[in-house]
Amino acid sequence: MRRFIVVGHRAITTGDFKLDDLAGSAGRLDVLLRCINSSFFLSHDIRRDTEIILVLQGPPNPPKTIRMVGNELKYLNPDERSTAALIRNALLQKIEAEERSSPGIYVSNRSYRDVLSNLSKGEQIIYLKENGANIRGFIFKDKVNFILGDDQDLTKEEEELLLAYEPQLISIGTKSYHADHCITIVNNELDVRGASPAAAQCDPEKV
């Protein structure tokens, strides 16, 4: 199981936004929508072994967290507008605990801190960062969480909170990539390893 946790620093926390202005009225929700697409979509299928958690921190009622579960998802299409409608529907729910808004989509008032604290013991936590170890020489566990920001890096406070969980720092390259591109690269790397057992046995100490 692979899980992507993306912090949406300005992403709107109400369903009151225009589907025709996702970059403006929704606080760069468009970035998160592209992350959803990169997490799940194959050419003619959806990744069933994948989850994404979006931590929305924008106005007016932060935080809100959207959790999407690949093996439960229905009604998810590749276009950003229809995905935004699913997110809007989730944000319109009356939230007490974590609520299911549609198959495979859950919404809650969990904060970034809550999301990290709810990760199960034994699950691998990866912080995607340019100065980390080379991904191509790293050994991943069966259950792995990748943490990244949206179009902004994690704040100092967010990074300090994450580092308290002793994540492993991994780099996908020396350049800065868009968040959704990072997810695509990670998925490709794990896909290649799944098809080639030898590739999964690289020793990071020898890279």
Protein backbone atom coordinates (compact mmCIF):
# COMPACT_ATOMS: atom_id res chain seq x y z
CA MET A 1 0.00 0.00 0.00
CA ARG A 2 1.31 3.43 -0.94
CA ARG A 3 -0.14 6.62 0.53
CA PHE A 4 0.53 10.23 -0.44
CA ILE A 5 -0.06 12.97 2.13
CA VAL A 6 -0.20 16.43 0.58
CA VAL A 7 -0.53 19.66 2.53
CA GLY A 8 -2.70 22.24 0.76
CA HIS A 9 -1.55 25.44 2.42
CA ARG A 10 -4.19 27.70 0.87
CA ALA A 11 -6.78 25.17 -0.27
CA ILE A 12 -10.30 26.33 0.56
CA THR A 13 -12.10 24.56 3.43
CA THR A 14 -15.66 25.16 2.33
CA GLY A 15 -17.70 23.96 -0.62
CA ASP A 16 -18.34 27.55 -1.63
CA PHE A 17 -16.04 27.81 -4.63
CA LYS A 18 -16.41 28.07 -8.40
CA LEU A 19 -15.62 25.06 -10.53
CA ASP A 20 -14.48 27.45 -13.26
CA ASP A 21 -11.85 29.13 -11.08
CA LEU A 22 -10.06 26.39 -9.15
CA ALA A 23 -6.70 28.16 -9.14
CA GLY A 24 -8.15 31.41 -7.79
CA SER A 25 -11.35 31.02 -5.79
CA ALA A 26 -10.36 27.64 -4.34
CA GLY A 27 -6.87 28.51 -3.06
CA ARG A 28 -4.88 26.49 -5.63
CA LEU A 29 -7.10 23.48 -5.20
CA ASP A 30 -6.11 22.75 -8.80
CA VAL A 31 -2.68 21.62 -7.55
CA LEU A 32 -4.29 19.06 -5.26
CA LEU A 33 -6.61 17.84 -8.01
CA ARG A 34 -3.61 17.09 -10.19
CA CYS A 35 -2.08 15.21 -7.27
CA ILE A 36 -5.23 13.08 -7.09
CA ASN A 37 -4.98 12.27 -10.79
CA SER A 38 -1.29 11.37 -10.52
CA SER A 39 -1.97 9.18 -7.50
CA PHE A 40 -4.71 7.04 -9.00
CA PHE A 41 -5.03 7.09 -12.76
CA LEU A 42 -3.58 4.53 -15.11
CA SER A 43 -4.44 4.51 -18.80
CA HIS A 44 -7.60 2.42 -18.39
CA ASP A 45 -7.81 1.79 -14.66
CA ILE A 46 -7.39 3.20 -11.15
CA ARG A 47 -4.66 2.17 -8.73
CA ARG A 48 -6.39 0.09 -6.07
CA ASP A 49 -3.35 -0.13 -3.76
CA THR A 50 -3.09 3.65 -3.29
CA GLU A 51 -4.50 6.29 -0.96
CA ILE A 52 -4.12 10.05 -0.88
CA ILE A 53 -4.73 12.34 2.07
CA LEU A 54 -5.18 16.05 1.38
CA VAL A 55 -4.79 18.38 4.35
CA LEU A 56 -6.63 21.61 3.49
CA GLN A 57 -5.44 24.61 5.48
CA GLY A 58 -7.03 27.56 3.72
CA PRO A 59 -9.98 29.73 4.76
CA PRO A 60 -12.58 29.87 6.14
CA ASN A 61 -12.64 26.83 8.47
CA PRO A 62 -9.29 25.04 8.57
CA PRO A 63 -8.31 22.35 8.88
CA LYS A 64 -10.22 19.90 6.70
CA THR A 65 -8.80 16.60 5.54
CA ILE A 66 -9.92 14.63 2.50
CA ARG A 67 -8.96 10.95 2.40
CA MET A 68 -9.36 8.98 -0.83
CA VAL A 69 -9.06 5.18 -0.91
CA GLY A 70 -8.27 3.57 -4.25
CA ASN A 71 -9.97 0.22 -3.74
CA GLU A 72 -13.26 1.93 -2.80
CA LEU A 73 -13.38 4.77 -5.32
CA LYS A 74 -16.25 5.28 -7.71
CA TYR A 75 -17.25 8.21 -9.90
CA LEU A 76 -13.65 9.47 -10.18
CA ASN A 77 -12.83 10.76 -13.67
CA PRO A 78 -9.60 12.25 -15.05
CA ASP A 79 -10.90 15.79 -15.58
CA GLU A 80 -10.20 18.23 -12.76
CA ARG A 81 -13.66 19.79 -12.82
CA SER A 82 -15.52 16.58 -11.95
CA THR A 83 -12.96 15.73 -9.25
CA ALA A 84 -13.39 19.23 -7.83
CA ALA A 85 -17.13 18.58 -7.66
CA LEU A 86 -16.46 15.45 -5.57
CA ILE A 87 -14.23 17.48 -3.23
CA ARG A 88 -16.85 20.23 -3.01
CA ASN A 89 -19.47 17.67 -2.09
CA ALA A 90 -17.21 16.35 0.66
CA LEU A 91 -16.66 19.86 2.07
CA LEU A 92 -20.42 20.47 2.15
CA GLN A 93 -20.93 17.56 4.55
CA LYS A 94 -21.79 18.15 8.18
CA ILE A 95 -18.68 16.82 9.88
CA GLU A 96 -18.60 15.31 13.34
CA ALA A 97 -16.17 12.43 12.94
CA GLU A 98 -14.72 11.21 9.66
CA GLU A 99 -17.64 11.10 7.22
CA ARG A 100 -17.95 9.30 3.89
CA SER A 101 -19.15 11.74 1.24
CA SER A 102 -19.07 9.29 -1.68
CA PRO A 103 -17.55 5.84 -2.27
CA GLY A 104 -13.87 5.99 -1.38
CA ILE A 105 -13.90 9.66 -0.29
CA TYR A 106 -13.88 10.65 3.38
CA VAL A 107 -13.79 14.07 5.03
CA SER A 108 -12.86 15.08 8.56
CA ASN A 109 -11.63 17.97 10.67
CA ARG A 110 -8.28 16.30 11.23
CA SER A 111 -5.23 18.54 11.23
CA TYR A 112 -1.81 17.84 9.75
CA ARG A 113 -0.68 16.87 13.26
CA ASP A 114 -3.62 14.47 13.60
CA VAL A 115 -2.90 12.86 10.24
CA LEU A 116 0.71 12.15 11.20
CA SER A 117 -0.23 10.83 14.64
CA ASN A 118 -2.79 8.45 13.09
CA LEU A 119 -0.23 6.66 10.93
CA SER A 120 0.15 3.07 12.04
CA LYS A 121 3.33 1.97 13.75
CA GLY A 122 5.57 0.07 11.39
CA GLU A 123 4.49 2.04 8.34
CA GLN A 124 7.35 3.72 6.52
CA ILE A 125 7.31 7.53 6.45
CA ILE A 126 9.12 9.23 3.57
CA TYR A 127 9.74 12.97 3.33
CA LEU A 128 10.31 13.90 -0.31
CA LYS A 129 13.10 16.46 -0.32
CA GLU A 130 15.78 17.47 -2.82
CA ASN A 131 18.69 16.75 -0.45
CA GLY A 132 17.48 13.29 0.53
CA ALA A 133 18.88 9.90 -0.46
CA ASN A 134 18.51 8.81 -4.08
CA ILE A 135 15.15 7.05 -4.53
CA ARG A 136 16.68 4.59 -6.98
CA GLY A 137 18.86 3.08 -4.32
CA PHE A 138 16.31 2.97 -1.54
CA ILE A 139 14.43 -0.03 -0.13
CA PHE A 140 10.74 0.58 0.50
CA LYS A 141 8.48 -1.39 2.80
CA ASP A 142 5.09 -2.77 1.78
CA LYS A 143 3.26 0.08 3.53
CA VAL A 144 4.78 3.47 2.77
CA ASN A 145 3.69 7.08 3.25
CA PHE A 146 5.08 9.94 1.16
CA ILE A 147 4.78 13.46 2.59
CA LEU A 148 4.96 16.58 0.41
CA GLY A 149 3.67 20.13 0.06
CA ASP A 150 1.46 21.54 -2.68
CA ASP A 151 2.97 24.40 -4.70
CA GLN A 152 4.71 25.48 -1.50
CA ASP A 153 7.23 23.59 0.61
CA LEU A 154 6.31 22.48 4.09
CA THR A 155 6.62 25.36 6.54
CA LYS A 156 9.35 25.27 9.18
CA GLU A 157 6.77 24.26 11.78
CA GLU A 158 5.31 21.52 9.56
CA GLU A 159 8.76 20.16 8.81
CA GLU A 160 9.74 20.13 12.48
CA LEU A 161 6.56 18.23 13.33
CA LEU A 162 7.27 15.68 10.59
CA LEU A 163 10.90 15.24 11.62
CA ALA A 164 9.73 14.24 15.10
CA TYR A 165 8.45 11.03 13.46
CA GLU A 166 11.94 10.32 12.12
CA PRO A 167 11.01 10.08 8.45
CA GLN A 168 13.50 8.95 5.84
CA LEU A 169 14.45 11.73 3.43
CA ILE A 170 14.29 10.69 -0.21
CA SER A 171 15.08 12.69 -3.34
CA ILE A 172 13.67 11.99 -6.79
CA GLY A 173 16.21 14.30 -8.42
CA THR A 174 18.27 17.45 -8.05
CA LYS A 175 15.59 19.73 -9.49
CA SER A 176 12.33 20.94 -7.97
CA TYR A 177 9.26 19.32 -9.54
CA HIS A 178 5.55 20.03 -9.32
CA ALA A 179 3.86 18.02 -6.57
CA ASP A 180 1.82 15.93 -9.02
CA HIS A 181 4.96 15.17 -11.04
CA CYS A 182 6.68 13.97 -7.86
CA ILE A 183 3.81 11.54 -7.30
CA THR A 184 4.02 10.29 -10.89
CA ILE A 185 7.77 9.66 -10.55
CA VAL A 186 7.32 7.82 -7.25
CA ASN A 187 4.53 5.67 -8.67
CA ASN A 188 6.66 4.81 -11.68
CA GLU A 189 9.59 3.86 -9.49
CA LEU A 190 7.44 1.55 -7.37
CA ASP A 191 5.76 0.11 -10.48
CA VAL A 192 9.14 -0.77 -12.01
CA ARG A 193 10.20 -2.47 -8.82
CA GLY A 194 6.97 -4.44 -8.71
CA ALA A 195 7.69 -5.76 -12.19
CA SER A 196 11.36 -6.44 -11.45
CA PRO A 197 12.17 -8.07 -8.07
CA ALA A 198 15.88 -7.42 -8.53
CA ALA A 199 15.27 -3.68 -8.71
CA ALA A 200 13.62 -3.74 -5.30
CA GLN A 201 16.72 -5.17 -3.64
CA CYS A 202 19.04 -2.19 -4.19
CA ASP A 203 21.13 -1.44 -1.14
CA PRO A 204 21.03 2.32 -0.30
CA GLU A 205 24.40 2.01 1.43
CA LYS A 206 26.00 1.22 -1.93
CA VAL A 207 24.51 4.14 -3.86
